[in-house]
Protein backbone atom coordinates (compact mmCIF):
# COMPACT_ATOMS: atom_id res chain seq x y z
CA MET A 1 100.05 94.87 114.21
CA THR A 2 100.90 92.87 117.33
CA ASN A 3 99.17 89.49 115.29
CA GLU A 4 101.40 90.08 112.12
CA LEU A 5 104.39 90.66 114.69
CA ASP A 6 103.35 87.40 116.67
CA ARG A 7 103.33 85.61 113.49
CA THR A 8 106.55 86.89 112.52
CA ILE A 9 108.42 85.90 115.58
CA VAL A 10 106.71 82.24 115.18
CA GLU A 11 107.92 82.18 111.51
CA LEU A 12 111.50 83.13 112.47
CA GLN A 13 111.91 80.39 115.17
CA ALA A 14 110.91 77.88 112.80
CA GLU A 15 113.28 79.22 110.39
CA LEU A 16 115.93 79.15 113.29
CA ARG A 17 115.35 75.64 114.08
CA ASN A 18 115.97 74.65 110.21
CA ALA A 19 118.59 77.18 109.37
CA HIS A 20 121.83 76.92 107.86
CA PRO A 21 124.61 77.71 109.88
CA ASP A 22 125.53 80.76 107.72
CA GLU A 23 121.90 81.95 108.09
CA ARG A 24 121.80 81.65 111.89
CA ARG A 25 122.94 84.92 112.75
CA GLN A 26 120.93 86.97 110.47
CA ILE A 27 117.80 85.20 111.49
CA GLU A 28 118.96 85.26 115.18
CA ALA A 29 119.37 89.18 115.04
CA GLU A 30 115.79 89.52 112.98
CA LEU A 31 114.25 87.41 116.00
CA GLU A 32 115.91 89.70 118.65
CA LEU A 33 114.53 92.90 117.20
CA ALA A 34 110.95 91.17 116.91
CA LEU A 35 110.90 90.00 120.35
CA ALA A 36 112.25 93.69 121.29
CA GLU A 37 109.59 95.37 119.39
CA LEU A 38 106.71 92.91 120.76
CA ALA A 39 108.20 93.90 124.28
CA VAL A 40 107.93 97.65 123.70
CA ILE A 41 104.33 97.35 122.63
CA THR A 42 103.38 95.02 125.31
CA ALA A 43 105.11 97.65 127.77
CA GLU A 44 103.12 100.71 126.15
CA GLN A 45 99.93 98.95 126.33
CA GLU A 46 100.00 98.05 130.07
CA GLY A 47 101.60 101.65 130.78
CA ALA A 48 104.73 100.78 131.69
CA ILE A 49 106.55 103.36 129.44
CA ASP A 50 105.50 106.16 127.64
CA ALA A 51 105.58 106.00 123.94
CA GLU A 52 105.67 109.97 123.64
CA PRO A 53 109.07 111.74 122.70
CA PRO A 54 110.55 113.86 125.83
CA PHE A 55 110.12 117.25 124.12
């Protein structure tokens, strides 16, 4: 999953560089979500957060 997510981030960054101004906000939002998802996965792997629900 991480490889796919990494690839998605790279693709979104490339799209953002060449994006039409009308598309920038959507691509930036998608990139922000992908980066946040990667941060969560990394934190889970490092044991910094517990992914289990609190109940």
